[in-house]
């Protein structure tokens, strides 16, 4: 069973016209960003608001 996004496309599917990156994101893409603040790589990060939406919002 596949999950369709609210945009009506399969995750990872290419060619979506409303998304600037022209594809719908996958759960693993979001998971990487969720994991980042807990990692040593974010040691200099003091706060940020990051949209994980393929450029849909500005």
C-alpha atoms as a PDB file:
ATOM      1  CA  UNK A   1       0.000   0.000   0.000  1.00  0.00           C
ATOM      2  CA  UNK A   2       1.396   3.407  -0.915  1.00  0.00           C
ATOM      3  CA  UNK A   3       0.805   6.750   0.735  1.00  0.00           C
ATOM      4  CA  UNK A   4      -0.253   9.585  -1.513  1.00  0.00           C
ATOM      5  CA  UNK A   5       0.682  13.113  -0.510  1.00  0.00           C
ATOM      6  CA  UNK A   6      -1.846  15.876  -0.005  1.00  0.00           C
ATOM      7  CA  UNK A   7      -0.774  16.974  -3.480  1.00  0.00           C
ATOM      8  CA  UNK A   8      -2.111  13.684  -4.831  1.00  0.00           C
ATOM      9  CA  UNK A   9       1.207  12.169  -5.911  1.00  0.00           C
ATOM     10  CA  UNK A  10       3.306   9.249  -4.740  1.00  0.00           C
ATOM     11  CA  UNK A  11       6.314  10.173  -2.538  1.00  0.00           C
ATOM     12  CA  UNK A  12       9.394  10.574  -4.714  1.00  0.00           C
ATOM     13  CA  UNK A  13       7.329  10.842  -7.901  1.00  0.00           C
ATOM     14  CA  UNK A  14       8.776  13.292 -10.401  1.00  0.00           C
ATOM     15  CA  UNK A  15       7.074  16.054 -12.318  1.00  0.00           C
ATOM     16  CA  UNK A  16       4.705  17.680  -9.844  1.00  0.00           C
ATOM     17  CA  UNK A  17       3.931  21.145 -11.276  1.00  0.00           C
ATOM     18  CA  UNK A  18       3.236  22.938  -7.964  1.00  0.00           C
ATOM     19  CA  UNK A  19       6.526  22.000  -6.290  1.00  0.00           C
ATOM     20  CA  UNK A  20       9.621  23.920  -7.483  1.00  0.00           C
ATOM     21  CA  UNK A  21      11.808  20.802  -7.167  1.00  0.00           C
ATOM     22  CA  UNK A  22       9.208  19.016  -9.347  1.00  0.00           C
ATOM     23  CA  UNK A  23       8.856  16.004  -7.048  1.00  0.00           C
ATOM     24  CA  UNK A  24       7.098  15.045  -3.844  1.00  0.00           C
ATOM     25  CA  UNK A  25       9.329  14.352  -0.848  1.00  0.00           C
ATOM     26  CA  UNK A  26       9.784  11.027   0.893  1.00  0.00           C
ATOM     27  CA  UNK A  27       9.718  10.267   4.625  1.00  0.00           C
ATOM     28  CA  UNK A  28      13.468   9.551   4.668  1.00  0.00           C
ATOM     29  CA  UNK A  29      14.146  13.095   3.427  1.00  0.00           C
ATOM     30  CA  UNK A  30      12.268  14.528   6.406  1.00  0.00           C
ATOM     31  CA  UNK A  31      13.910  12.054   8.790  1.00  0.00           C
ATOM     32  CA  UNK A  32      17.375  13.316   7.832  1.00  0.00           C
ATOM     33  CA  UNK A  33      16.426  16.848   8.826  1.00  0.00           C
ATOM     34  CA  UNK A  34      14.804  15.693  12.058  1.00  0.00           C
ATOM     35  CA  UNK A  35      17.982  13.783  12.953  1.00  0.00           C
ATOM     36  CA  UNK A  36      20.316  16.723  12.197  1.00  0.00           C
ATOM     37  CA  UNK A  37      19.663  18.927  15.290  1.00  0.00           C
ATOM     38  CA  UNK A  38      20.493  15.997  17.566  1.00  0.00           C
ATOM     39  CA  UNK A  39      23.801  15.322  15.825  1.00  0.00           C
ATOM     40  CA  UNK A  40      27.261  16.791  16.413  1.00  0.00           C
ATOM     41  CA  UNK A  41      26.998  18.435  12.982  1.00  0.00           C
ATOM     42  CA  UNK A  42      24.590  20.987  14.471  1.00  0.00           C
ATOM     43  CA  UNK A  43      26.952  22.113  17.243  1.00  0.00           C
ATOM     44  CA  UNK A  44      26.963  25.729  16.001  1.00  0.00           C
ATOM     45  CA  UNK A  45      23.218  25.862  15.318  1.00  0.00           C
ATOM     46  CA  UNK A  46      21.331  28.008  17.812  1.00  0.00           C
ATOM     47  CA  UNK A  47      17.917  28.007  16.214  1.00  0.00           C
ATOM     48  CA  UNK A  48      16.283  27.796  12.831  1.00  0.00           C
ATOM     49  CA  UNK A  49      12.984  27.301  11.099  1.00  0.00           C
ATOM     50  CA  UNK A  50      13.455  25.006   8.129  1.00  0.00           C
ATOM     51  CA  UNK A  51      10.728  24.152   5.639  1.00  0.00           C
ATOM     52  CA  UNK A  52      11.030  20.680   4.145  1.00  0.00           C
ATOM     53  CA  UNK A  53       8.676  21.188   1.236  1.00  0.00           C
ATOM     54  CA  UNK A  54      10.695  21.189  -1.983  1.00  0.00           C
ATOM     55  CA  UNK A  55      10.483  24.973  -2.217  1.00  0.00           C
ATOM     56  CA  UNK A  56       6.670  25.126  -2.080  1.00  0.00           C
ATOM     57  CA  UNK A  57       6.735  27.902   0.548  1.00  0.00           C
ATOM     58  CA  UNK A  58       8.882  30.988   0.438  1.00  0.00           C
END
